Amino acid sequence: YNILFGSYFSKAVRYSFLITGRKDLSEDVVQETFVECYKDIKYLKDQEKFRPWFYRILVRTSWRMKAKEKHAVSLEVLDDVGRSAIDSKDDEQFNRIMNSRESSRMLRSALEKLSLPLRTTVILHYYNDLSIKEIAQILNCFQGTVKSRLHTARKLLEKQLVKDGYIYDGLECETNG
């Protein structure tokens, strides 16, 4: 269990933080997820399916705890929390995306405007590097649904980034001027 905890904790906190927008809430989500996993791991018949099983619990817990929030959660707190909340040294893609504060802010802002299912799918695929098949298992939907959500999310993100002036004819801009 300690090995599983060490292997999944950082990515779980990062994932939950991207959904909830709050460090304290993401830590609570991850703690609750690991407690639930610990209690129910005896029901997991195939150890190979731990990853999608774990993320399914994490997704549901994140959604449930976010829904309990009575006010809108801003992802702007990431700048204040810094990278200490998220151990991403093993994830080059995440480091690249989060490299500059301005690009981080605009991406978080665009992500925040996506519906929860679209945002969840994007985060699982691009931030957690899960396959379409794994995401379909986690979200209990068809692979075609995952592909459709990713396609829709990319189009909506592009549209939002263009609208905000961060992308112009496929090129990134420093600010929206």
Protein backbone atom coordinates (compact mmCIF):
# COMPACT_ATOMS: atom_id res chain seq x y z
CA TYR A 1 0.00 0.00 0.00
CA ASN A 2 2.87 2.38 0.76
CA ILE A 3 4.33 1.70 -2.69
CA LEU A 4 0.99 2.47 -4.33
CA PHE A 5 0.65 5.61 -2.25
CA GLY A 6 4.12 6.79 -3.25
CA SER A 7 3.48 6.03 -6.91
CA TYR A 8 0.11 7.74 -7.21
CA PHE A 9 0.05 10.54 -4.63
CA SER A 10 1.69 13.36 -6.64
CA LYS A 11 -0.36 12.82 -9.77
CA ALA A 12 -3.53 12.37 -7.73
CA VAL A 13 -3.00 15.70 -5.95
CA ARG A 14 -2.24 17.41 -9.25
CA TYR A 15 -5.31 15.94 -10.91
CA SER A 16 -7.60 16.80 -8.02
CA PHE A 17 -6.14 20.31 -7.80
CA LEU A 18 -6.90 20.92 -11.46
CA ILE A 19 -10.51 19.85 -10.91
CA THR A 20 -11.17 21.51 -7.54
CA GLY A 21 -8.88 24.55 -7.85
CA ARG A 22 -7.88 24.44 -4.20
CA LYS A 23 -4.84 22.85 -2.57
CA ASP A 24 -6.58 22.05 0.69
CA LEU A 25 -9.57 20.47 -1.04
CA SER A 26 -7.37 18.47 -3.41
CA GLU A 27 -5.43 17.04 -0.48
CA ASP A 28 -8.70 16.06 1.21
CA VAL A 29 -9.90 14.42 -2.01
CA VAL A 30 -6.71 12.40 -2.34
CA GLN A 31 -6.79 11.37 1.30
CA GLU A 32 -10.40 10.23 0.99
CA THR A 33 -9.59 8.40 -2.24
CA PHE A 34 -6.73 6.46 -0.65
CA VAL A 35 -8.89 5.59 2.36
CA GLU A 36 -11.60 4.26 0.05
CA CYS A 37 -9.00 2.32 -1.95
CA TYR A 38 -7.56 0.84 1.22
CA LYS A 39 -11.00 -0.29 2.38
CA ASP A 40 -12.08 -1.73 -0.97
CA ILE A 41 -8.86 -3.07 -2.50
CA LYS A 42 -9.86 -6.58 -1.47
CA TYR A 43 -12.63 -6.36 -4.12
CA LEU A 44 -10.20 -5.56 -6.93
CA LYS A 45 -9.80 -8.89 -8.71
CA ASP A 46 -7.19 -7.92 -11.29
CA GLN A 47 -4.16 -5.98 -10.01
CA GLU A 48 -3.48 -4.82 -13.57
CA LYS A 49 -6.65 -2.73 -13.39
CA PHE A 50 -5.60 -0.79 -10.30
CA ARG A 51 -4.78 2.40 -12.20
CA PRO A 52 -8.19 2.89 -13.86
CA TRP A 53 -9.94 1.72 -10.68
CA PHE A 54 -7.99 4.25 -8.60
CA TYR A 55 -8.66 7.11 -11.02
CA ARG A 56 -12.36 6.25 -11.16
CA ILE A 57 -12.55 6.67 -7.39
CA LEU A 58 -10.46 9.85 -7.61
CA VAL A 59 -12.70 11.33 -10.32
CA ARG A 60 -15.89 10.61 -8.40
CA THR A 61 -14.46 11.91 -5.15
CA SER A 62 -13.19 15.09 -6.84
CA TRP A 63 -16.54 15.73 -8.50
CA ARG A 64 -18.46 15.02 -5.29
CA MET A 65 -16.31 17.28 -3.12
CA LYS A 66 -16.27 20.05 -5.73
CA ALA A 67 -20.06 19.90 -5.94
CA LYS A 68 -20.24 20.48 -2.18
CA GLU A 69 -18.49 23.81 -2.64
CA LYS A 70 -21.00 26.64 -2.45
CA HIS A 71 -18.90 29.26 -4.25
CA ALA A 72 -16.98 29.28 -7.51
CA VAL A 73 -13.43 28.05 -7.22
CA SER A 74 -10.74 30.05 -8.98
CA LEU A 75 -7.71 28.25 -10.32
CA GLU A 76 -5.69 31.45 -9.84
CA VAL A 77 -4.51 30.14 -6.47
CA LEU A 78 -1.99 27.95 -8.30
CA ASP A 79 0.32 30.95 -8.61
CA ASP A 80 0.18 31.48 -4.84
CA VAL A 81 0.56 27.83 -3.94
CA GLY A 82 3.40 27.32 -6.35
CA ARG A 83 4.76 24.04 -7.47
CA SER A 84 5.17 22.74 -3.92
CA ALA A 85 1.57 21.52 -4.08
CA ILE A 86 2.29 19.59 -7.22
CA ASP A 87 5.30 17.35 -7.68
CA SER A 88 5.65 17.36 -11.43
CA LYS A 89 9.34 16.70 -11.92
CA ASP A 90 8.52 13.41 -13.62
CA ASP A 91 6.06 14.94 -16.06
CA GLU A 92 7.81 16.98 -18.74
CA GLN A 93 4.56 17.84 -20.51
CA PHE A 94 3.13 19.39 -17.35
CA ASN A 95 6.34 21.34 -16.73
CA ARG A 96 6.26 22.68 -20.28
CA ILE A 97 2.64 23.80 -19.96
CA MET A 98 3.16 25.35 -16.55
CA ASN A 99 6.49 27.01 -17.49
CA SER A 100 5.34 30.60 -17.65
CA ARG A 101 2.85 32.22 -15.30
CA GLU A 102 0.99 33.94 -18.10
CA SER A 103 0.50 30.81 -20.19
CA SER A 104 -0.46 28.93 -17.02
CA ARG A 105 -3.03 31.55 -16.13
CA MET A 106 -4.61 31.65 -19.56
CA LEU A 107 -4.71 27.87 -19.85
CA ARG A 108 -6.25 27.49 -16.38
CA SER A 109 -8.77 30.16 -17.24
CA ALA A 110 -9.75 28.37 -20.44
CA LEU A 111 -9.88 24.98 -18.69
CA GLU A 112 -12.07 26.43 -15.96
CA LYS A 113 -14.67 27.38 -18.57
CA LEU A 114 -15.05 23.78 -19.80
CA SER A 115 -17.80 21.60 -18.40
CA LEU A 116 -16.68 19.20 -15.68
CA PRO A 117 -16.80 16.08 -17.94
CA LEU A 118 -14.76 17.81 -20.67
CA ARG A 119 -12.26 19.23 -18.16
CA THR A 120 -11.91 15.84 -16.47
CA THR A 121 -11.25 14.11 -19.78
CA VAL A 122 -8.63 16.70 -20.81
CA ILE A 123 -6.85 16.49 -17.46
CA LEU A 124 -6.82 12.70 -17.43
CA HIS A 125 -5.46 12.55 -20.98
CA TYR A 126 -2.98 15.42 -21.14
CA TYR A 127 -1.93 15.92 -17.52
CA ASN A 128 -2.12 12.34 -16.27
CA ASP A 129 -1.08 10.75 -19.58
CA LEU A 130 -3.85 8.17 -19.54
CA SER A 131 -4.92 6.39 -22.71
CA ILE A 132 -8.36 6.77 -24.22
CA LYS A 133 -9.14 3.20 -23.19
CA GLU A 134 -8.14 3.88 -19.57
CA ILE A 135 -10.18 7.09 -19.48
CA ALA A 136 -13.21 5.23 -20.83
CA GLN A 137 -12.84 2.69 -18.00
CA ILE A 138 -12.43 5.43 -15.40
CA LEU A 139 -15.41 7.46 -16.58
CA ASN A 140 -17.45 4.35 -17.36
CA CYS A 141 -18.18 5.42 -20.93
CA PHE A 142 -17.33 4.37 -24.48
CA GLN A 143 -13.95 5.14 -26.04
CA GLY A 144 -15.79 7.07 -28.74
CA THR A 145 -17.25 9.30 -26.04
CA VAL A 146 -13.76 10.03 -24.71
CA LYS A 147 -12.51 10.84 -28.22
CA SER A 148 -15.50 13.09 -28.80
CA ARG A 149 -14.94 14.90 -25.50
CA LEU A 150 -11.27 15.44 -26.29
CA HIS A 151 -12.13 16.77 -29.75
CA THR A 152 -14.84 19.07 -28.37
CA ALA A 153 -12.59 20.27 -25.54
CA ARG A 154 -9.72 21.07 -27.91
CA LYS A 155 -12.05 23.08 -30.14
CA LEU A 156 -13.55 24.95 -27.18
CA LEU A 157 -10.12 25.64 -25.68
CA GLU A 158 -8.83 26.93 -29.01
CA LYS A 159 -11.91 29.12 -29.41
CA GLN A 160 -11.52 30.51 -25.88
CA LEU A 161 -7.79 31.16 -26.32
CA VAL A 162 -8.43 32.95 -29.61
CA LYS A 163 -11.23 34.97 -28.00
CA ASP A 164 -8.94 35.98 -25.13
CA GLY A 165 -6.24 36.99 -27.60
CA TYR A 166 -3.67 34.39 -26.60
CA ILE A 167 -3.72 32.64 -29.95
CA TYR A 168 -3.85 34.42 -33.28
CA ASP A 169 -3.86 32.40 -36.50
CA GLY A 170 -2.37 29.42 -34.66
CA LEU A 171 0.43 31.44 -33.03
CA GLU A 172 0.69 32.16 -29.32
CA CYS A 173 0.78 35.77 -28.19
CA GLU A 174 2.45 37.03 -25.03
CA THR A 175 -0.64 38.83 -23.78
CA ASN A 176 -4.04 39.74 -25.05
CA GLY A 177 -2.83 43.33 -25.25
